[in-house]
PDB file of N, CA and C in Angstrom:
ATOM      1  N   MET A   1      77.212 245.856 153.251  1.00  0.00           N
ATOM      2  CA  MET A   1      77.719 244.500 153.244  1.00  0.00           C
ATOM      3  C   MET A   1      76.824 243.646 152.351  1.00  0.00           C
ATOM      4  N   GLU A   2      77.432 242.684 151.690  1.00  0.00           N
ATOM      5  CA  GLU A   2      76.752 241.812 150.733  1.00  0.00           C
ATOM      6  C   GLU A   2      75.610 241.026 151.385  1.00  0.00           C
ATOM      7  N   ARG A   3      74.445 241.083 150.763  1.00  0.00           N
ATOM      8  CA  ARG A   3      73.287 240.356 151.283  1.00  0.00           C
ATOM      9  C   ARG A   3      72.795 239.319 150.281  1.00  0.00           C
ATOM     10  N   THR A   4      73.746 238.634 149.664  1.00  0.00           N
ATOM     11  CA  THR A   4      73.435 237.527 148.776  1.00  0.00           C
ATOM     12  C   THR A   4      73.569 236.238 149.578  1.00  0.00           C
ATOM     13  N   VAL A   5      72.596 235.350 149.455  1.00  0.00           N
ATOM     14  CA  VAL A   5      72.617 234.100 150.213  1.00  0.00           C
ATOM     15  C   VAL A   5      73.817 233.251 149.782  1.00  0.00           C
ATOM     16  N   LEU A   6      74.564 232.775 150.781  1.00  0.00           N
ATOM     17  CA  LEU A   6      75.684 231.872 150.547  1.00  0.00           C
ATOM     18  C   LEU A   6      75.160 230.440 150.526  1.00  0.00           C
ATOM     19  N   THR A   7      75.559 229.663 149.530  1.00  0.00           N
ATOM     20  CA  THR A   7      75.133 228.272 149.437  1.00  0.00           C
ATOM     21  C   THR A   7      76.312 227.398 149.042  1.00  0.00           C
ATOM     22  N   GLY A   8      76.163 226.121 149.198  1.00  0.00           N
ATOM     23  CA  GLY A   8      77.143 225.152 148.726  1.00  0.00           C
ATOM     24  C   GLY A   8      78.561 225.464 149.114  1.00  0.00           C
ATOM     25  N   ALA A   9      79.428 225.508 148.099  1.00  0.00           N
ATOM     26  CA  ALA A   9      80.859 225.720 148.334  1.00  0.00           C
ATOM     27  C   ALA A   9      81.144 227.086 148.944  1.00  0.00           C
ATOM     28  N   GLY A  10      80.368 228.096 148.578  1.00  0.00           N
ATOM     29  CA  GLY A  10      80.571 229.437 149.140  1.00  0.00           C
ATOM     30  C   GLY A  10      80.323 229.462 150.635  1.00  0.00           C
ATOM     31  N   LEU A  11      79.281 228.792 151.073  1.00  0.00           N
ATOM     32  CA  LEU A  11      78.983 228.723 152.500  1.00  0.00           C
ATOM     33  C   LEU A  11      80.021 227.870 153.214  1.00  0.00           C
ATOM     34  N   ALA A  12      80.395 226.751 152.626  1.00  0.00           N
ATOM     35  CA  ALA A  12      81.411 225.878 153.236  1.00  0.00           C
ATOM     36  C   ALA A  12      82.727 226.618 153.415  1.00  0.00           C
ATOM     37  N   LYS A  13      83.124 227.391 152.416  1.00  0.00           N
ATOM     38  CA  LYS A  13      84.373 228.156 152.503  1.00  0.00           C
ATOM     39  C   LYS A  13      84.283 229.212 153.604  1.00  0.00           C
ATOM     40  N   ALA A  14      83.155 229.883 153.709  1.00  0.00           N
ATOM     41  CA  ALA A  14      82.972 230.900 154.756  1.00  0.00           C
ATOM     42  C   ALA A  14      83.020 230.263 156.142  1.00  0.00           C
ATOM     43  N   LEU A  15      82.415 229.093 156.296  1.00  0.00           N
ATOM     44  CA  LEU A  15      82.401 228.415 157.595  1.00  0.00           C
ATOM     45  C   LEU A  15      83.789 227.926 158.012  1.00  0.00           C
ATOM     46  N   GLU A  16      84.657 227.657 157.040  1.00  0.00           N
ATOM     47  CA  GLU A  16      86.026 227.233 157.350  1.00  0.00           C
ATOM     48  C   GLU A  16      86.775 228.293 158.150  1.00  0.00           C
ATOM     49  N   LYS A  17      86.411 229.546 157.987  1.00  0.00           N
ATOM     50  CA  LYS A  17      87.081 230.654 158.662  1.00  0.00           C
ATOM     51  C   LYS A  17      86.573 230.848 160.090  1.00  0.00           C
ATOM     52  N   LEU A  18      85.502 230.145 160.453  1.00  0.00           N
ATOM     53  CA  LEU A  18      84.900 230.292 161.778  1.00  0.00           C
ATOM     54  C   LEU A  18      85.178 229.045 162.614  1.00  0.00           C
ATOM     55  N   HIS A  19      85.089 229.189 163.931  1.00  0.00           N
ATOM     56  CA  HIS A  19      85.337 228.065 164.835  1.00  0.00           C
ATOM     57  C   HIS A  19      84.027 227.587 165.460  1.00  0.00           C
ATOM     58  N   GLY A  20      83.675 226.331 165.213  1.00  0.00           N
ATOM     59  CA  GLY A  20      82.538 225.739 165.891  1.00  0.00           C
ATOM     60  C   GLY A  20      81.171 226.042 165.313  1.00  0.00           C
ATOM     61  N   TRP A  21      81.102 226.728 164.207  1.00  0.00           N
ATOM     62  CA  TRP A  21      79.813 227.059 163.588  1.00  0.00           C
ATOM     63  C   TRP A  21      79.428 225.960 162.608  1.00  0.00           C
ATOM     64  N   GLU A  22      78.127 225.696 162.523  1.00  0.00           N
ATOM     65  CA  GLU A  22      77.626 224.732 161.551  1.00  0.00           C
ATOM     66  C   GLU A  22      76.355 225.267 160.905  1.00  0.00           C
ATOM     67  N   GLU A  23      76.108 224.797 159.700  1.00  0.00           N
ATOM     68  CA  GLU A  23      74.917 225.212 158.971  1.00  0.00           C
ATOM     69  C   GLU A  23      73.773 224.275 159.330  1.00  0.00           C
ATOM     70  N   ALA A  24      72.601 224.846 159.548  1.00  0.00           N
ATOM     71  CA  ALA A  24      71.420 224.047 159.834  1.00  0.00           C
ATOM     72  C   ALA A  24      70.175 224.813 159.402  1.00  0.00           C
ATOM     73  N   GLU A  25      69.487 224.290 158.413  1.00  0.00           N
ATOM     74  CA  GLU A  25      68.205 224.833 157.986  1.00  0.00           C
ATOM     75  C   GLU A  25      68.216 226.328 157.675  1.00  0.00           C
ATOM     76  N   GLY A  26      69.160 226.745 156.835  1.00  0.00           N
ATOM     77  CA  GLY A  26      69.196 228.133 156.385  1.00  0.00           C
ATOM     78  C   GLY A  26      69.761 229.118 157.386  1.00  0.00           C
ATOM     79  N   ARG A  27      70.505 228.615 158.354  1.00  0.00           N
ATOM     80  CA  ARG A  27      71.136 229.484 159.357  1.00  0.00           C
ATOM     81  C   ARG A  27      72.455 228.858 159.779  1.00  0.00           C
ATOM     82  N   ILE A  28      73.282 229.642 160.451  1.00  0.00           N
ATOM     83  CA  ILE A  28      74.486 229.085 161.050  1.00  0.00           C
ATOM     84  C   ILE A  28      74.314 229.152 162.563  1.00  0.00           C
ATOM     85  N   CYS A  29      74.833 228.118 163.243  1.00  0.00           N
ATOM     86  CA  CYS A  29      74.593 227.964 164.677  1.00  0.00           C
ATOM     87  C   CYS A  29      75.899 227.627 165.401  1.00  0.00           C
ATOM     88  N   ARG A  30      75.952 228.071 166.651  1.00  0.00           N
ATOM     89  CA  ARG A  30      77.074 227.720 167.506  1.00  0.00           C
ATOM     90  C   ARG A  30      76.649 227.816 168.962  1.00  0.00           C
ATOM     91  N   ASP A  31      77.190 226.923 169.779  1.00  0.00           N
ATOM     92  CA  ASP A  31      77.056 226.996 171.231  1.00  0.00           C
ATOM     93  C   ASP A  31      78.384 227.490 171.785  1.00  0.00           C
ATOM     94  N   TYR A  32      78.331 228.542 172.584  1.00  0.00           N
ATOM     95  CA  TYR A  32      79.497 229.025 173.322  1.00  0.00           C
ATOM     96  C   TYR A  32      79.352 228.543 174.757  1.00  0.00           C
ATOM     97  N   HIS A  33      80.459 228.140 175.363  1.00  0.00           N
ATOM     98  CA  HIS A  33      80.441 227.657 176.744  1.00  0.00           C
ATOM     99  C   HIS A  33      81.350 228.527 177.597  1.00  0.00           C
ATOM    100  N   PHE A  34      80.821 228.960 178.730  1.00  0.00           N
ATOM    101  CA  PHE A  34      81.544 229.826 179.663  1.00  0.00           C
ATOM    102  C   PHE A  34      81.518 229.197 181.054  1.00  0.00           C
ATOM    103  N   ALA A  35      82.333 229.711 181.932  1.00  0.00           N
ATOM    104  CA  ALA A  35      82.472 229.149 183.275  1.00  0.00           C
ATOM    105  C   ALA A  35      81.185 229.224 184.083  1.00  0.00           C
ATOM    106  N   ASP A  36      80.410 230.268 183.862  1.00  0.00           N
ATOM    107  CA  ASP A  36      79.195 230.450 184.659  1.00  0.00           C
ATOM    108  C   ASP A  36      78.255 231.426 183.963  1.00  0.00           C
ATOM    109  N   PHE A  37      77.139 231.687 184.614  1.00  0.00           N
ATOM    110  CA  PHE A  37      76.120 232.572 184.062  1.00  0.00           C
ATOM    111  C   PHE A  37      76.643 233.986 183.840  1.00  0.00           C
ATOM    112  N   VAL A  38      77.416 234.499 184.788  1.00  0.00           N
ATOM    113  CA  VAL A  38      77.918 235.878 184.680  1.00  0.00           C
ATOM    114  C   VAL A  38      78.813 236.028 183.455  1.00  0.00           C
ATOM    115  N   GLU A  39      79.685 235.053 183.214  1.00  0.00           N
ATOM    116  CA  GLU A  39      80.550 235.109 182.032  1.00  0.00           C
ATOM    117  C   GLU A  39      79.723 235.027 180.746  1.00  0.00           C
ATOM    118  N   ALA A  40      78.749 234.139 180.741  1.00  0.00           N
ATOM    119  CA  ALA A  40      77.893 233.993 179.558  1.00  0.00           C
ATOM    120  C   ALA A  40      77.105 235.270 179.286  1.00  0.00           C
ATOM    121  N   PHE A  41      76.542 235.839 180.325  1.00  0.00           N
ATOM    122  CA  PHE A  41      75.755 237.049 180.163  1.00  0.00           C
ATOM    123  C   PHE A  41      76.645 238.229 179.770  1.00  0.00           C
ATOM    124  N   GLY A  42      77.861 238.271 180.304  1.00  0.00           N
ATOM    125  CA  GLY A  42      78.816 239.312 179.912  1.00  0.00           C
ATOM    126  C   GLY A  42      79.144 239.234 178.427  1.00  0.00           C
ATOM    127  N   PHE A  43      79.307 238.007 177.926  1.00  0.00           N
ATOM    128  CA  PHE A  43      79.542 237.814 176.492  1.00  0.00           C
ATOM    129  C   PHE A  43      78.361 238.355 175.691  1.00  0.00           C
ATOM    130  N   MET A  44      77.147 238.026 176.135  1.00  0.00           N
ATOM    131  CA  MET A  44      75.957 238.484 175.419  1.00  0.00           C
ATOM    132  C   MET A  44      75.864 240.006 175.418  1.00  0.00           C
ATOM    133  N   ALA A  45      76.188 240.623 176.535  1.00  0.00           N
ATOM    134  CA  ALA A  45      76.134 242.092 176.612  1.00  0.00           C
ATOM    135  C   ALA A  45      77.141 242.717 175.650  1.00  0.00           C
ATOM    136  N   SER A  46      78.352 242.159 175.614  1.00  0.00           N
ATOM    137  CA  SER A  46      79.374 242.673 174.691  1.00  0.00           C
ATOM    138  C   SER A  46      78.967 242.451 173.242  1.00  0.00           C
ATOM    139  N   ALA A  47      78.458 241.268 172.954  1.00  0.00           N
ATOM    140  CA  ALA A  47      78.044 240.948 171.588  1.00  0.00           C
ATOM    141  C   ALA A  47      76.877 241.836 171.154  1.00  0.00           C
ATOM    142  N   ALA A  48      75.986 242.162 172.096  1.00  0.00           N
ATOM    143  CA  ALA A  48      74.833 242.997 171.763  1.00  0.00           C
ATOM    144  C   ALA A  48      75.249 244.355 171.201  1.00  0.00           C
ATOM    145  N   LEU A  49      76.351 244.882 171.687  1.00  0.00           N
ATOM    146  CA  LEU A  49      76.839 246.162 171.167  1.00  0.00           C
ATOM    147  C   LEU A  49      77.254 246.036 169.699  1.00  0.00           C
ATOM    148  N   HIS A  50      77.896 244.922 169.352  1.00  0.00           N
ATOM    149  CA  HIS A  50      78.270 244.690 167.947  1.00  0.00           C
ATOM    150  C   HIS A  50      77.027 244.462 167.095  1.00  0.00           C
ATOM    151  N   CYS A  51      76.074 243.722 167.631  1.00  0.00           N
ATOM    152  CA  CYS A  51      74.823 243.463 166.898  1.00  0.00           C
ATOM    153  C   CYS A  51      74.118 244.774 166.572  1.00  0.00           C
ATOM    154  N   GLU A  52      74.059 245.636 167.553  1.00  0.00           N
ATOM    155  CA  GLU A  52      73.375 246.910 167.360  1.00  0.00           C
ATOM    156  C   GLU A  52      74.114 247.779 166.341  1.00  0.00           C
ATOM    157  N   LYS A  53      75.435 247.780 166.431  1.00  0.00           N
ATOM    158  CA  LYS A  53      76.236 248.573 165.490  1.00  0.00           C
ATOM    159  C   LYS A  53      76.019 248.093 164.053  1.00  0.00           C
ATOM    160  N   LEU A  54      75.933 246.774 163.870  1.00  0.00           N
ATOM    161  CA  LEU A  54      75.709 246.217 162.536  1.00  0.00           C
ATOM    162  C   LEU A  54      74.229 246.229 162.141  1.00  0.00           C
ATOM    163  N   ASP A  55      73.348 246.525 163.103  1.00  0.00           N
ATOM    164  CA  ASP A  55      71.908 246.431 162.903  1.00  0.00           C
ATOM    165  C   ASP A  55      71.535 245.038 162.392  1.00  0.00           C
ATOM    166  N   HIS A  56      72.133 244.045 163.052  1.00  0.00           N
ATOM    167  CA  HIS A  56      71.907 242.642 162.695  1.00  0.00           C
ATOM    168  C   HIS A  56      71.811 241.862 164.002  1.00  0.00           C
ATOM    169  N   HIS A  57      70.659 241.311 164.284  1.00  0.00           N
ATOM    170  CA  HIS A  57      70.397 240.765 165.606  1.00  0.00           C
ATOM    171  C   HIS A  57      70.195 239.254 165.553  1.00  0.00           C
ATOM    172  N   PRO A  58      70.884 238.536 166.434  1.00  0.00           N
ATOM    173  CA  PRO A  58      70.818 237.078 166.418  1.00  0.00           C
ATOM    174  C   PRO A  58      69.557 236.551 167.100  1.00  0.00           C
ATOM    175  N   GLU A  59      69.289 235.300 166.827  1.00  0.00           N
ATOM    176  CA  GLU A  59      68.379 234.533 167.662  1.00  0.00           C
ATOM    177  C   GLU A  59      69.317 233.815 168.622  1.00  0.00           C
ATOM    178  N   TRP A  60      69.133 234.047 169.911  1.00  0.00           N
ATOM    179  CA  TRP A  60      70.036 233.411 170.865  1.00  0.00           C
ATOM    180  C   TRP A  60      69.336 233.118 172.173  1.00  0.00           C
ATOM    181  N   SER A  61      69.952 232.203 172.925  1.00  0.00           N
ATOM    182  CA  SER A  61      69.415 231.852 174.237  1.00  0.00           C
ATOM    183  C   SER A  61      70.585 231.588 175.173  1.00  0.00           C
ATOM    184  N   ASN A  62      70.290 231.694 176.451  1.00  0.00           N
ATOM    185  CA  ASN A  62      71.306 231.503 177.480  1.00  0.00           C
ATOM    186  C   ASN A  62      70.766 230.557 178.540  1.00  0.00           C
ATOM    187  N   THR A  63      71.532 229.546 178.847  1.00  0.00           N
ATOM    188  CA  THR A  63      71.244 228.645 179.955  1.00  0.00           C
ATOM    189  C   THR A  63      72.529 228.478 180.747  1.00  0.00           C
ATOM    190  N   TYR A  64      72.544 229.048 181.943  1.00  0.00           N
ATOM    191  CA  TYR A  64      73.702 229.068 182.833  1.00  0.00           C
ATOM    192  C   TYR A  64      74.948 229.521 182.054  1.00  0.00           C
ATOM    193  N   GLY A  65      75.907 228.657 181.811  1.00  0.00           N
ATOM    194  CA  GLY A  65      77.147 229.061 181.149  1.00  0.00           C
ATOM    195  C   GLY A  65      77.160 228.830 179.650  1.00  0.00           C
ATOM    196  N   ARG A  66      76.006 228.532 179.068  1.00  0.00           N
ATOM    197  CA  ARG A  66      75.945 228.263 177.631  1.00  0.00           C
ATOM    198  C   ARG A  66      75.138 229.345 176.934  1.00  0.00           C
ATOM    199  N   VAL A  67      75.654 229.782 175.773  1.00  0.00           N
ATOM    200  CA  VAL A  67      74.923 230.716 174.910  1.00  0.00           C
ATOM    201  C   VAL A  67      74.797 230.053 173.551  1.00  0.00           C
ATOM    202  N   ARG A  68      73.576 229.843 173.112  1.00  0.00           N
ATOM    203  CA  ARG A  68      73.283 229.278 171.799  1.00  0.00           C
ATOM    204  C   ARG A  68      72.971 230.436 170.864  1.00  0.00           C
ATOM    205  N   VAL A  69      73.698 230.507 169.735  1.00  0.00           N
ATOM    206  CA  VAL A  69      73.503 231.584 168.768  1.00  0.00           C
ATOM    207  C   VAL A  69      73.092 230.982 167.427  1.00  0.00           C
ATOM    208  N   GLU A  70      72.085 231.580 166.809  1.00  0.00           N
ATOM    209  CA  GLU A  70      71.655 231.208 165.464  1.00  0.00           C
ATOM    210  C   GLU A  70      71.582 232.489 164.640  1.00  0.00           C
ATOM    211  N   LEU A  71      72.239 232.453 163.480  1.00  0.00           N
ATOM    212  CA  LEU A  71      72.291 233.633 162.617  1.00  0.00           C
ATOM    213  C   LEU A  71      71.738 233.311 161.233  1.00  0.00           C
ATOM    214  N   THR A  72      70.945 234.225 160.725  1.00  0.00           N
ATOM    215  CA  THR A  72      70.456 234.187 159.355  1.00  0.00           C
ATOM    216  C   THR A  72      70.060 235.612 158.984  1.00  0.00           C
ATOM    217  N   THR A  73      70.087 235.918 157.721  1.00  0.00           N
ATOM    218  CA  THR A  73      69.640 237.225 157.265  1.00  0.00           C
ATOM    219  C   THR A  73      68.203 237.051 156.791  1.00  0.00           C
ATOM    220  N   HIS A  74      67.274 237.412 157.659  1.00  0.00           N
ATOM    221  CA  HIS A  74      65.860 237.131 157.429  1.00  0.00           C
ATOM    222  C   HIS A  74      65.319 237.731 156.138  1.00  0.00           C
ATOM    223  N   ASP A  75      65.760 238.944 155.793  1.00  0.00           N
ATOM    224  CA  ASP A  75      65.162 239.594 154.622  1.00  0.00           C
ATOM    225  C   ASP A  75      65.548 238.949 153.296  1.00  0.00           C
ATOM    226  N   VAL A  76      66.568 238.090 153.276  1.00  0.00           N
ATOM    227  CA  VAL A  76      66.906 237.373 152.045  1.00  0.00           C
ATOM    228  C   VAL A  76      66.736 235.859 152.201  1.00  0.00           C
ATOM    229  N   GLY A  77      66.402 235.422 153.407  1.00  0.00           N
ATOM    230  CA  GLY A  77      66.076 234.016 153.617  1.00  0.00           C
ATOM    231  C   GLY A  77      67.235 233.050 153.664  1.00  0.00           C
ATOM    232  N   GLY A  78      68.361 233.476 154.210  1.00  0.00           N
ATOM    233  CA  GLY A  78      69.492 232.550 154.324  1.00  0.00           C
ATOM    234  C   GLY A  78      70.713 233.224 154.916  1.00  0.00           C
ATOM    235  N   VAL A  79      71.803 232.491 154.913  1.00  0.00           N
ATOM    236  CA  VAL A  79      73.071 232.970 155.456  1.00  0.00           C
ATOM    237  C   VAL A  79      73.780 233.841 154.423  1.00  0.00           C
ATOM    238  N   THR A  80      74.250 235.002 154.876  1.00  0.00           N
ATOM    239  CA  THR A  80      74.979 235.933 154.003  1.00  0.00           C
ATOM    240  C   THR A  80      76.313 236.306 154.644  1.00  0.00           C
ATOM    241  N   ALA A  81      77.082 237.098 153.936  1.00  0.00           N
ATOM    242  CA  ALA A  81      78.346 237.614 154.477  1.00  0.00           C
ATOM    243  C   ALA A  81      78.101 238.405 155.753  1.00  0.00           C
ATOM    244  N   PHE A  82      76.943 238.985 155.883  1.00  0.00           N
ATOM    245  CA  PHE A  82      76.548 239.727 157.079  1.00  0.00           C
ATOM    246  C   PHE A  82      76.583 238.815 158.307  1.00  0.00           C
ATOM    247  N   ASP A  83      76.059 237.597 158.160  1.00  0.00           N
ATOM    248  CA  ASP A  83      76.060 236.619 159.250  1.00  0.00           C
ATOM    249  C   ASP A  83      77.472 236.150 159.567  1.00  0.00           C
ATOM    250  N   ILE A  84      78.262 235.953 158.540  1.00  0.00           N
ATOM    251  CA  ILE A  84      79.645 235.509 158.735  1.00  0.00           C
ATOM    252  C   ILE A  84      80.431 236.573 159.494  1.00  0.00           C
ATOM    253  N   GLU A  85      80.216 237.835 159.169  1.00  0.00           N
ATOM    254  CA  GLU A  85      80.896 238.936 159.864  1.00  0.00           C
ATOM    255  C   GLU A  85      80.507 238.967 161.342  1.00  0.00           C
ATOM    256  N   LEU A  86      79.223 238.852 161.633  1.00  0.00           N
ATOM    257  CA  LEU A  86      78.797 238.874 163.028  1.00  0.00           C
ATOM    258  C   LEU A  86      79.321 237.649 163.778  1.00  0.00           C
ATOM    259  N   ALA A  87      79.305 236.495 163.144  1.00  0.00           N
ATOM    260  CA  ALA A  87      79.848 235.291 163.771  1.00  0.00           C
ATOM    261  C   ALA A  87      81.332 235.461 164.097  1.00  0.00           C
ATOM    262  N   SER A  88      82.072 236.063 163.182  1.00  0.00           N
ATOM    263  CA  SER A  88      83.500 236.306 163.401  1.00  0.00           C
ATOM    264  C   SER A  88      83.725 237.244 164.583  1.00  0.00           C
ATOM    265  N   ARG A  89      82.908 238.274 164.682  1.00  0.00           N
ATOM    266  CA  ARG A  89      83.026 239.200 165.812  1.00  0.00           C
ATOM    267  C   ARG A  89      82.685 238.504 167.130  1.00  0.00           C
ATOM    268  N   MET A  90      81.667 237.670 167.103  1.00  0.00           N
ATOM    269  CA  MET A  90      81.300 236.938 168.316  1.00  0.00           C
ATOM    270  C   MET A  90      82.417 235.979 168.733  1.00  0.00           C
ATOM    271  N   ASP A  91      83.026 235.310 167.760  1.00  0.00           N
ATOM    272  CA  ASP A  91      84.146 234.409 168.059  1.00  0.00           C
ATOM    273  C   ASP A  91      85.281 235.170 168.738  1.00  0.00           C
ATOM    274  N   ALA A  92      85.596 236.362 168.230  1.00  0.00           N
ATOM    275  CA  ALA A  92      86.674 237.173 168.809  1.00  0.00           C
ATOM    276  C   ALA A  92      86.326 237.581 170.238  1.00  0.00           C
ATOM    277  N   LEU A  93      85.081 237.943 170.477  1.00  0.00           N
ATOM    278  CA  LEU A  93      84.656 238.303 171.835  1.00  0.00           C
ATOM    279  C   LEU A  93      84.762 237.114 172.782  1.00  0.00           C
ATOM    280  N   ALA A  94      84.326 235.951 172.327  1.00  0.00           N
ATOM    281  CA  ALA A  94      84.393 234.754 173.161  1.00  0.00           C
ATOM    282  C   ALA A  94      85.837 234.372 173.453  1.00  0.00           C
ATOM    283  N   GLU A  95      86.688 234.480 172.448  1.00  0.00           N
ATOM    284  CA  GLU A  95      88.106 234.166 172.617  1.00  0.00           C
ATOM    285  C   GLU A  95      88.749 235.094 173.641  1.00  0.00           C
ATOM    286  N   ALA A  96      88.393 236.350 173.617  1.00  0.00           N
ATOM    287  CA  ALA A  96      88.955 237.330 174.563  1.00  0.00           C
ATOM    288  C   ALA A  96      88.522 237.027 175.987  1.00  0.00           C
ATOM    289  N   ARG A  97      87.398 236.352 176.174  1.00  0.00           N
ATOM    290  CA  ARG A  97      86.890 236.032 177.510  1.00  0.00           C
ATOM    291  C   ARG A  97      87.484 234.756 178.050  1.00  0.00           C
ATOM    292  N   SER A  98      88.123 233.939 177.210  1.00  0.00           N
ATOM    293  CA  SER A  98      88.646 232.656 177.706  1.00  0.00           C
ATOM    294  C   SER A  98      90.096 232.741 178.138  1.00  0.00           C
TER     295      SER A  98
END
């Protein structure tokens, strides 16, 4: 998968395809909200399998029913198509849980 940093119009176009993600300081971020801790943790467990398969791991945190996700491709120092792909997979997982 392409590991070229997305900037400007390229990043804006990629973000248009995602729901609720925003760019902040060289990463893309989103808060997912679930009914409770069990739902949030279930989402994280499911997402972890995709992360491992892609060998691309998020910075994330969980507080009760909220999961905060931050994605960046550390080895190139910014957001790449790799991050957009993982964000898209996470969106699909979250949608399936709602």
